[in-house]
Amino acid sequence: MIIYGINPLLESLHSSLKPRRVMIQKGKSNPRIQGIQKLAAQNTIPIDMVANLEKLCGSSQHQGVAGDVSGLGETHLTDTTQLADQVVMLDSIQDPHNFGASMRVCDAFGFTDVIYHKGNSSGVTPAAVKVSTGAIFHLRLFESNLNKAVKWLTSRDYRLCVLEAEGNVTIYDADYTGRICIVMGSEGFGVRHNILRQANQVMSIPMRGHVSSLNVSCALTAVLSEIARQTSNTTVASQPRDV
């Protein structure tokens, strides 16, 4: 996968999933790009100077740098997988900007483990990586059939906490004790029925304004910030590094 943007490249270089090579637009240089070159050299990562980086990336948002990364978001749940006690599941998030923004929210509130299904989701795309500002490199993403994932979770005593507009308990009154999985549904259809019917609690966000809903990443921010408040899970995400 070709990822692009200064922050995603920096976070990749500071993570365990480093790029196999770095590409830099010819004639493009600034202190942060020079820092990327230095980090790549320190890790013996090849650097290519490219005449048309926009064509290579398929985007004009590359900021002069790109990287070739493999294996991002390709981990699967197995019998030996050990997850954190607080997990997020994304059900059919089709907009890569929403997917990437959700990754940034998870990292900000210390939710390191995310389950998603690539077949009907944006999944991990270069655009999603860019929107996440590289936060995605500090998460553990598990690609799984969500029905199988629910069985896996419930067999290990995780409770499903589903967010829906018609939930019968607000996010402020929900129970977040023990092992929990926060389930967020798609932009247009919400959480699929066969997952919703297995929920231990169906939560809603009280709305006081004129709009009736929030996009996925905004709603996830409300939920995870409330969980952080209640459980003191206030891990601060690492900020993009100036190099």
C-alpha atoms as a PDB file:
ATOM      1  CA  MET A   1       0.000   0.000   0.000  1.00  0.00           C
ATOM      2  CA  ILE A   2       1.273   3.463  -0.890  1.00  0.00           C
ATOM      3  CA  ILE A   3       0.611   5.829   1.997  1.00  0.00           C
ATOM      4  CA  TYR A   4       1.216   9.551   1.735  1.00  0.00           C
ATOM      5  CA  GLY A   5       1.501  12.683   3.845  1.00  0.00           C
ATOM      6  CA  ILE A   6       4.121  13.907   6.305  1.00  0.00           C
ATOM      7  CA  ASN A   7       2.403  12.832   9.540  1.00  0.00           C
ATOM      8  CA  PRO A   8       1.500   9.315   8.318  1.00  0.00           C
ATOM      9  CA  LEU A   9       5.087   8.782   7.143  1.00  0.00           C
ATOM     10  CA  LEU A  10       6.514  10.015  10.433  1.00  0.00           C
ATOM     11  CA  GLU A  11       4.217   7.827  12.509  1.00  0.00           C
ATOM     12  CA  SER A  12       4.996   4.823  10.328  1.00  0.00           C
ATOM     13  CA  LEU A  13       8.729   5.400  10.772  1.00  0.00           C
ATOM     14  CA  HIS A  14       8.234   5.612  14.549  1.00  0.00           C
ATOM     15  CA  SER A  15       6.129   2.425  14.648  1.00  0.00           C
ATOM     16  CA  SER A  16       6.895  -1.269  14.240  1.00  0.00           C
ATOM     17  CA  LEU A  17       5.330  -1.211  10.755  1.00  0.00           C
ATOM     18  CA  LYS A  18       7.918   0.808   8.895  1.00  0.00           C
ATOM     19  CA  PRO A  19       7.723   1.500   5.157  1.00  0.00           C
ATOM     20  CA  ARG A  20       9.751  -0.708   2.835  1.00  0.00           C
ATOM     21  CA  ARG A  21      10.769   2.367   0.879  1.00  0.00           C
ATOM     22  CA  VAL A  22      10.188   6.110   1.011  1.00  0.00           C
ATOM     23  CA  MET A  23       9.404   8.265  -2.024  1.00  0.00           C
ATOM     24  CA  ILE A  24      10.011  12.014  -2.131  1.00  0.00           C
ATOM     25  CA  GLN A  25       8.855  14.477  -4.758  1.00  0.00           C
ATOM     26  CA  LYS A  26      11.809  15.854  -6.696  1.00  0.00           C
ATOM     27  CA  GLY A  27      12.516  19.453  -5.769  1.00  0.00           C
ATOM     28  CA  LYS A  28      10.438  19.240  -2.582  1.00  0.00           C
ATOM     29  CA  SER A  29      12.209  19.868   0.724  1.00  0.00           C
ATOM     30  CA  ASN A  30      11.527  21.334   4.138  1.00  0.00           C
ATOM     31  CA  PRO A  31      12.757  20.509   7.653  1.00  0.00           C
ATOM     32  CA  ARG A  32      10.103  17.809   8.213  1.00  0.00           C
ATOM     33  CA  ILE A  33      10.808  16.100   4.896  1.00  0.00           C
ATOM     34  CA  GLN A  34      14.504  16.232   5.721  1.00  0.00           C
ATOM     35  CA  GLY A  35      13.639  14.593   9.047  1.00  0.00           C
ATOM     36  CA  ILE A  36      11.815  11.805   7.207  1.00  0.00           C
ATOM     37  CA  GLN A  37      14.883  11.277   5.026  1.00  0.00           C
ATOM     38  CA  LYS A  38      17.070  11.110   8.138  1.00  0.00           C
ATOM     39  CA  LEU A  39      14.795   8.576   9.869  1.00  0.00           C
ATOM     40  CA  ALA A  40      14.590   6.449   6.735  1.00  0.00           C
ATOM     41  CA  ALA A  41      18.372   6.448   6.427  1.00  0.00           C
ATOM     42  CA  GLN A  42      18.769   5.513  10.106  1.00  0.00           C
ATOM     43  CA  ASN A  43      16.509   2.509   9.480  1.00  0.00           C
ATOM     44  CA  THR A  44      18.255   1.616   6.195  1.00  0.00           C
ATOM     45  CA  ILE A  45      15.050   2.221   4.246  1.00  0.00           C
ATOM     46  CA  PRO A  46      15.614   3.016   0.551  1.00  0.00           C
ATOM     47  CA  ILE A  47      14.685   6.546  -0.581  1.00  0.00           C
ATOM     48  CA  ASP A  48      13.519   7.236  -4.134  1.00  0.00           C
ATOM     49  CA  MET A  49      13.237  10.702  -5.643  1.00  0.00           C
ATOM     50  CA  VAL A  50      10.076  10.738  -7.781  1.00  0.00           C
ATOM     51  CA  ALA A  51       9.167  13.150 -10.562  1.00  0.00           C
ATOM     52  CA  ASN A  52       5.376  12.733 -10.295  1.00  0.00           C
ATOM     53  CA  LEU A  53       4.364  11.704  -6.799  1.00  0.00           C
ATOM     54  CA  GLU A  54       0.716  12.642  -7.383  1.00  0.00           C
ATOM     55  CA  LYS A  55       0.423  10.013 -10.095  1.00  0.00           C
ATOM     56  CA  LEU A  56       2.033   7.386  -7.853  1.00  0.00           C
ATOM     57  CA  CYS A  57      -0.242   8.197  -4.890  1.00  0.00           C
ATOM     58  CA  GLY A  58      -3.421   8.934  -6.824  1.00  0.00           C
ATOM     59  CA  SER A  59      -3.813  12.049  -4.695  1.00  0.00           C
ATOM     60  CA  SER A  60      -2.573  15.629  -4.607  1.00  0.00           C
ATOM     61  CA  GLN A  61      -2.523  15.525  -0.784  1.00  0.00           C
ATOM     62  CA  HIS A  62       0.872  13.823  -0.518  1.00  0.00           C
ATOM     63  CA  GLN A  63       2.776  16.868   0.876  1.00  0.00           C
ATOM     64  CA  GLY A  64       5.824  15.711  -1.050  1.00  0.00           C
ATOM     65  CA  VAL A  65       6.296  12.309   0.599  1.00  0.00           C
ATOM     66  CA  ALA A  66       4.967   8.766   0.327  1.00  0.00           C
ATOM     67  CA  GLY A  67       5.873   5.309   1.558  1.00  0.00           C
ATOM     68  CA  ASP A  68       5.289   1.683   0.620  1.00  0.00           C
ATOM     69  CA  VAL A  69       3.829  -0.180   3.610  1.00  0.00           C
ATOM     70  CA  SER A  70       2.695  -3.812   3.741  1.00  0.00           C
ATOM     71  CA  GLY A  71       0.564  -5.717   6.235  1.00  0.00           C
ATOM     72  CA  LEU A  72      -1.386  -2.756   7.621  1.00  0.00           C
ATOM     73  CA  GLY A  73      -4.765  -3.912   8.942  1.00  0.00           C
ATOM     74  CA  GLU A  74      -4.299  -7.533   7.867  1.00  0.00           C
ATOM     75  CA  THR A  75      -4.185  -9.185  11.306  1.00  0.00           C
ATOM     76  CA  HIS A  76      -6.920 -11.731  12.098  1.00  0.00           C
ATOM     77  CA  LEU A  77      -8.482 -12.931  15.340  1.00  0.00           C
ATOM     78  CA  THR A  78      -7.200 -16.349  16.403  1.00  0.00           C
ATOM     79  CA  ASP A  79      -7.574 -18.567  19.437  1.00  0.00           C
ATOM     80  CA  THR A  80      -4.387 -17.096  20.871  1.00  0.00           C
ATOM     81  CA  THR A  81      -5.196 -13.411  20.247  1.00  0.00           C
ATOM     82  CA  GLN A  82      -5.124 -11.286  23.376  1.00  0.00           C
ATOM     83  CA  LEU A  83      -7.246  -8.124  23.178  1.00  0.00           C
ATOM     84  CA  ALA A  84      -7.512  -5.187  25.527  1.00  0.00           C
ATOM     85  CA  ASP A  85     -10.520  -5.107  27.865  1.00  0.00           C
ATOM     86  CA  GLN A  86     -12.008  -2.223  25.864  1.00  0.00           C
ATOM     87  CA  VAL A  87     -12.398  -2.863  22.141  1.00  0.00           C
ATOM     88  CA  VAL A  88     -14.033  -0.972  19.256  1.00  0.00           C
ATOM     89  CA  MET A  89     -15.877  -2.680  16.398  1.00  0.00           C
ATOM     90  CA  LEU A  90     -16.679  -0.793  13.189  1.00  0.00           C
ATOM     91  CA  ASP A  91     -19.569  -2.267  11.211  1.00  0.00           C
ATOM     92  CA  SER A  92     -19.533  -1.314   7.509  1.00  0.00           C
ATOM     93  CA  ILE A  93     -17.970   2.161   7.720  1.00  0.00           C
ATOM     94  CA  GLN A  94     -17.820   2.906   4.017  1.00  0.00           C
ATOM     95  CA  ASP A  95     -16.386   6.431   3.968  1.00  0.00           C
ATOM     96  CA  PRO A  96     -12.558   6.313   4.237  1.00  0.00           C
ATOM     97  CA  HIS A  97     -12.588   9.737   5.886  1.00  0.00           C
ATOM     98  CA  ASN A  98     -14.923   8.460   8.600  1.00  0.00           C
ATOM     99  CA  PHE A  99     -12.839   5.302   8.968  1.00  0.00           C
ATOM    100  CA  GLY A 100      -9.592   7.259   9.259  1.00  0.00           C
ATOM    101  CA  ALA A 101     -11.084   9.824  11.628  1.00  0.00           C
ATOM    102  CA  SER A 102     -12.398   6.979  13.798  1.00  0.00           C
ATOM    103  CA  MET A 103      -8.862   5.562  14.000  1.00  0.00           C
ATOM    104  CA  ARG A 104      -7.632   8.942  15.206  1.00  0.00           C
ATOM    105  CA  VAL A 105     -10.361   9.034  17.875  1.00  0.00           C
ATOM    106  CA  CYS A 106      -9.517   5.508  19.087  1.00  0.00           C
ATOM    107  CA  ASP A 107      -5.862   6.419  19.450  1.00  0.00           C
ATOM    108  CA  ALA A 108      -6.675   9.696  21.209  1.00  0.00           C
ATOM    109  CA  PHE A 109      -8.636   7.910  23.947  1.00  0.00           C
ATOM    110  CA  GLY A 110      -6.323   4.904  24.280  1.00  0.00           C
ATOM    111  CA  PHE A 111      -8.528   2.292  22.586  1.00  0.00           C
ATOM    112  CA  THR A 112      -5.792   0.332  20.872  1.00  0.00           C
ATOM    113  CA  ASP A 113      -7.756  -2.636  19.455  1.00  0.00           C
ATOM    114  CA  VAL A 114     -10.198  -2.204  16.558  1.00  0.00           C
ATOM    115  CA  ILE A 115     -12.152  -4.903  14.724  1.00  0.00           C
ATOM    116  CA  TYR A 116     -13.581  -4.322  11.244  1.00  0.00           C
ATOM    117  CA  HIS A 117     -14.718  -6.250   8.183  1.00  0.00           C
ATOM    118  CA  LYS A 118     -12.930  -5.353   4.974  1.00  0.00           C
ATOM    119  CA  GLY A 119     -15.575  -6.826   2.675  1.00  0.00           C
ATOM    120  CA  ASN A 120     -18.227  -4.151   3.235  1.00  0.00           C
ATOM    121  CA  SER A 121     -16.106  -1.372   4.671  1.00  0.00           C
ATOM    122  CA  SER A 122     -13.706   1.274   3.506  1.00  0.00           C
ATOM    123  CA  GLY A 123     -11.104  -0.502   5.568  1.00  0.00           C
ATOM    124  CA  VAL A 124      -7.501   0.602   5.615  1.00  0.00           C
ATOM    125  CA  THR A 125      -6.950   2.717   2.506  1.00  0.00           C
ATOM    126  CA  PRO A 126      -4.304   5.383   1.792  1.00  0.00           C
ATOM    127  CA  ALA A 127      -6.983   8.054   2.263  1.00  0.00           C
ATOM    128  CA  ALA A 128      -7.994   6.581   5.637  1.00  0.00           C
ATOM    129  CA  VAL A 129      -4.349   6.484   6.736  1.00  0.00           C
ATOM    130  CA  LYS A 130      -3.918  10.138   5.742  1.00  0.00           C
ATOM    131  CA  VAL A 131      -7.061  11.246   7.620  1.00  0.00           C
ATOM    132  CA  SER A 132      -5.911   9.340  10.714  1.00  0.00           C
ATOM    133  CA  THR A 133      -2.739  11.520  10.624  1.00  0.00           C
ATOM    134  CA  GLY A 134      -0.784   8.322  11.175  1.00  0.00           C
ATOM    135  CA  ALA A 135      -2.615   7.315  14.370  1.00  0.00           C
ATOM    136  CA  ILE A 136      -3.516   4.078  12.627  1.00  0.00           C
ATOM    137  CA  PHE A 137       0.093   2.894  13.037  1.00  0.00           C
ATOM    138  CA  HIS A 138      -0.323   2.864  16.804  1.00  0.00           C
ATOM    139  CA  LEU A 139      -3.440   0.681  16.788  1.00  0.00           C
ATOM    140  CA  ARG A 140      -3.978  -3.044  16.397  1.00  0.00           C
ATOM    141  CA  LEU A 141      -6.497  -3.570  13.589  1.00  0.00           C
ATOM    142  CA  PHE A 142      -8.170  -6.949  13.247  1.00  0.00           C
ATOM    143  CA  GLU A 143      -9.918  -7.790   9.971  1.00  0.00           C
ATOM    144  CA  SER A 144     -12.683 -10.334  10.639  1.00  0.00           C
ATOM    145  CA  ASN A 145     -16.118 -11.498   9.628  1.00  0.00           C
ATOM    146  CA  LEU A 146     -18.105  -9.599  12.248  1.00  0.00           C
ATOM    147  CA  ASN A 147     -20.488 -12.464  13.063  1.00  0.00           C
ATOM    148  CA  LYS A 148     -17.468 -14.630  13.864  1.00  0.00           C
ATOM    149  CA  ALA A 149     -15.903 -11.751  15.765  1.00  0.00           C
ATOM    150  CA  VAL A 150     -19.023 -11.409  17.942  1.00  0.00           C
ATOM    151  CA  LYS A 151     -18.882 -15.138  18.775  1.00  0.00           C
ATOM    152  CA  TRP A 152     -15.183 -14.792  19.554  1.00  0.00           C
ATOM    153  CA  LEU A 153     -15.839 -11.839  21.858  1.00  0.00           C
ATOM    154  CA  THR A 154     -18.856 -13.246  23.689  1.00  0.00           C
ATOM    155  CA  SER A 155     -17.025 -16.514  24.314  1.00  0.00           C
ATOM    156  CA  ARG A 156     -14.424 -14.443  26.147  1.00  0.00           C
ATOM    157  CA  ASP A 157     -16.942 -12.518  28.259  1.00  0.00           C
ATOM    158  CA  TYR A 158     -16.998  -9.286  26.292  1.00  0.00           C
ATOM    159  CA  ARG A 159     -20.278  -7.365  26.456  1.00  0.00           C
ATOM    160  CA  LEU A 160     -21.515  -5.723  23.257  1.00  0.00           C
ATOM    161  CA  CYS A 161     -22.328  -2.048  23.737  1.00  0.00           C
ATOM    162  CA  VAL A 162     -24.013  -0.908  20.524  1.00  0.00           C
ATOM    163  CA  LEU A 163     -24.601   2.735  19.649  1.00  0.00           C
ATOM    164  CA  GLU A 164     -27.935   3.380  17.917  1.00  0.00           C
ATOM    165  CA  ALA A 165     -30.160   6.436  17.602  1.00  0.00           C
ATOM    166  CA  GLU A 166     -32.989   4.577  19.356  1.00  0.00           C
ATOM    167  CA  GLY A 167     -30.888   3.134  22.160  1.00  0.00           C
ATOM    168  CA  ASN A 168     -32.673   2.642  25.492  1.00  0.00           C
ATOM    169  CA  VAL A 169     -29.803   3.879  27.671  1.00  0.00           C
ATOM    170  CA  THR A 170     -27.764   7.031  27.168  1.00  0.00           C
ATOM    171  CA  ILE A 171     -24.001   6.895  26.866  1.00  0.00           C
ATOM    172  CA  TYR A 172     -23.887   8.712  30.217  1.00  0.00           C
ATOM    173  CA  ASP A 173     -25.871   6.000  32.013  1.00  0.00           C
ATOM    174  CA  ALA A 174     -24.422   2.936  30.285  1.00  0.00           C
ATOM    175  CA  ASP A 175     -22.390   0.315  32.128  1.00  0.00           C
ATOM    176  CA  TYR A 176     -18.761   0.191  30.958  1.00  0.00           C
ATOM    177  CA  THR A 177     -17.404  -2.185  33.586  1.00  0.00           C
ATOM    178  CA  GLY A 178     -15.591  -5.378  32.688  1.00  0.00           C
ATOM    179  CA  ARG A 179     -14.738  -6.371  29.153  1.00  0.00           C
ATOM    180  CA  ILE A 180     -16.661  -4.347  26.589  1.00  0.00           C
ATOM    181  CA  CYS A 181     -16.832  -3.935  22.827  1.00  0.00           C
ATOM    182  CA  ILE A 182     -18.196  -0.627  21.517  1.00  0.00           C
ATOM    183  CA  VAL A 183     -19.992  -1.277  18.212  1.00  0.00           C
ATOM    184  CA  MET A 184     -20.460   1.553  15.716  1.00  0.00           C
ATOM    185  CA  GLY A 185     -22.651   1.088  12.651  1.00  0.00           C
ATOM    186  CA  SER A 186     -22.519   2.335   9.083  1.00  0.00           C
ATOM    187  CA  GLU A 187     -23.357   5.875   8.060  1.00  0.00           C
ATOM    188  CA  GLY A 188     -26.666   5.000   6.435  1.00  0.00           C
ATOM    189  CA  PHE A 189     -27.888   1.769   8.023  1.00  0.00           C
ATOM    190  CA  GLY A 190     -26.460   1.598  11.527  1.00  0.00           C
ATOM    191  CA  VAL A 191     -25.465  -1.686  13.133  1.00  0.00           C
ATOM    192  CA  ARG A 192     -26.668  -4.767  11.298  1.00  0.00           C
ATOM    193  CA  HIS A 193     -29.621  -6.579  12.881  1.00  0.00           C
ATOM    194  CA  ASN A 194     -27.895  -9.860  13.681  1.00  0.00           C
ATOM    195  CA  ILE A 195     -25.327  -7.976  15.771  1.00  0.00           C
ATOM    196  CA  LEU A 196     -27.847  -5.576  17.277  1.00  0.00           C
ATOM    197  CA  ARG A 197     -29.998  -8.406  18.595  1.00  0.00           C
ATOM    198  CA  GLN A 198     -27.019  -9.803  20.532  1.00  0.00           C
ATOM    199  CA  ALA A 199     -26.218  -6.476  22.191  1.00  0.00           C
ATOM    200  CA  ASN A 200     -25.964  -6.393  25.971  1.00  0.00           C
ATOM    201  CA  GLN A 201     -26.913  -2.722  25.926  1.00  0.00           C
ATOM    202  CA  VAL A 202     -28.043  -0.385  23.168  1.00  0.00           C
ATOM    203  CA  MET A 203     -26.891   3.161  23.798  1.00  0.00           C
ATOM    204  CA  SER A 204     -27.872   6.531  22.403  1.00  0.00           C
ATOM    205  CA  ILE A 205     -26.427  10.044  22.473  1.00  0.00           C
ATOM    206  CA  PRO A 206     -28.895  12.666  23.751  1.00  0.00           C
ATOM    207  CA  MET A 207     -29.307  15.287  21.020  1.00  0.00           C
ATOM    208  CA  ARG A 208     -30.418  18.842  21.833  1.00  0.00           C
ATOM    209  CA  GLY A 209     -29.896  20.613  18.535  1.00  0.00           C
ATOM    210  CA  HIS A 210     -31.670  20.608  15.205  1.00  0.00           C
ATOM    211  CA  VAL A 211     -29.764  17.737  13.556  1.00  0.00           C
ATOM    212  CA  SER A 212     -30.835  14.199  14.332  1.00  0.00           C
ATOM    213  CA  SER A 213     -27.499  12.414  14.083  1.00  0.00           C
ATOM    214  CA  LEU A 214     -23.705  12.683  14.086  1.00  0.00           C
ATOM    215  CA  ASN A 215     -21.237  11.110  11.713  1.00  0.00           C
ATOM    216  CA  VAL A 216     -19.465   8.001  12.947  1.00  0.00           C
ATOM    217  CA  SER A 217     -16.235   9.600  14.121  1.00  0.00           C
ATOM    218  CA  CYS A 218     -18.072  12.382  16.001  1.00  0.00           C
ATOM    219  CA  ALA A 219     -20.369   9.875  17.684  1.00  0.00           C
ATOM    220  CA  LEU A 220     -17.396   7.681  18.565  1.00  0.00           C
ATOM    221  CA  THR A 221     -15.696  10.702  20.149  1.00  0.00           C
ATOM    222  CA  ALA A 222     -18.707  11.238  22.410  1.00  0.00           C
ATOM    223  CA  VAL A 223     -18.797   7.586  23.495  1.00  0.00           C
ATOM    224  CA  LEU A 224     -15.084   7.067  24.065  1.00  0.00           C
ATOM    225  CA  SER A 225     -14.649  10.366  25.881  1.00  0.00           C
ATOM    226  CA  GLU A 226     -17.455   9.373  28.260  1.00  0.00           C
ATOM    227  CA  ILE A 227     -15.883   5.961  28.848  1.00  0.00           C
ATOM    228  CA  ALA A 228     -12.540   7.671  29.477  1.00  0.00           C
ATOM    229  CA  ARG A 229     -14.212  10.012  31.966  1.00  0.00           C
ATOM    230  CA  GLN A 230     -15.909   7.173  33.827  1.00  0.00           C
ATOM    231  CA  THR A 231     -13.019   4.736  33.838  1.00  0.00           C
ATOM    232  CA  SER A 232     -10.113   7.223  33.978  1.00  0.00           C
ATOM    233  CA  ASN A 233      -8.800   5.637  30.778  1.00  0.00           C
ATOM    234  CA  THR A 234      -7.115   8.875  29.755  1.00  0.00           C
ATOM    235  CA  THR A 235      -4.186   7.607  27.738  1.00  0.00           C
ATOM    236  CA  VAL A 236      -2.939  10.478  25.603  1.00  0.00           C
ATOM    237  CA  ALA A 237      -2.137   9.756  21.985  1.00  0.00           C
ATOM    238  CA  SER A 238       1.358  10.489  20.797  1.00  0.00           C
ATOM    239  CA  GLN A 239       1.536  13.704  18.832  1.00  0.00           C
ATOM    240  CA  PRO A 240       3.161  13.833  15.391  1.00  0.00           C
ATOM    241  CA  ARG A 241       6.861  14.278  15.952  1.00  0.00           C
ATOM    242  CA  ASP A 242       8.836  17.230  14.683  1.00  0.00           C
ATOM    243  CA  VAL A 243      12.031  15.817  13.267  1.00  0.00           C
END
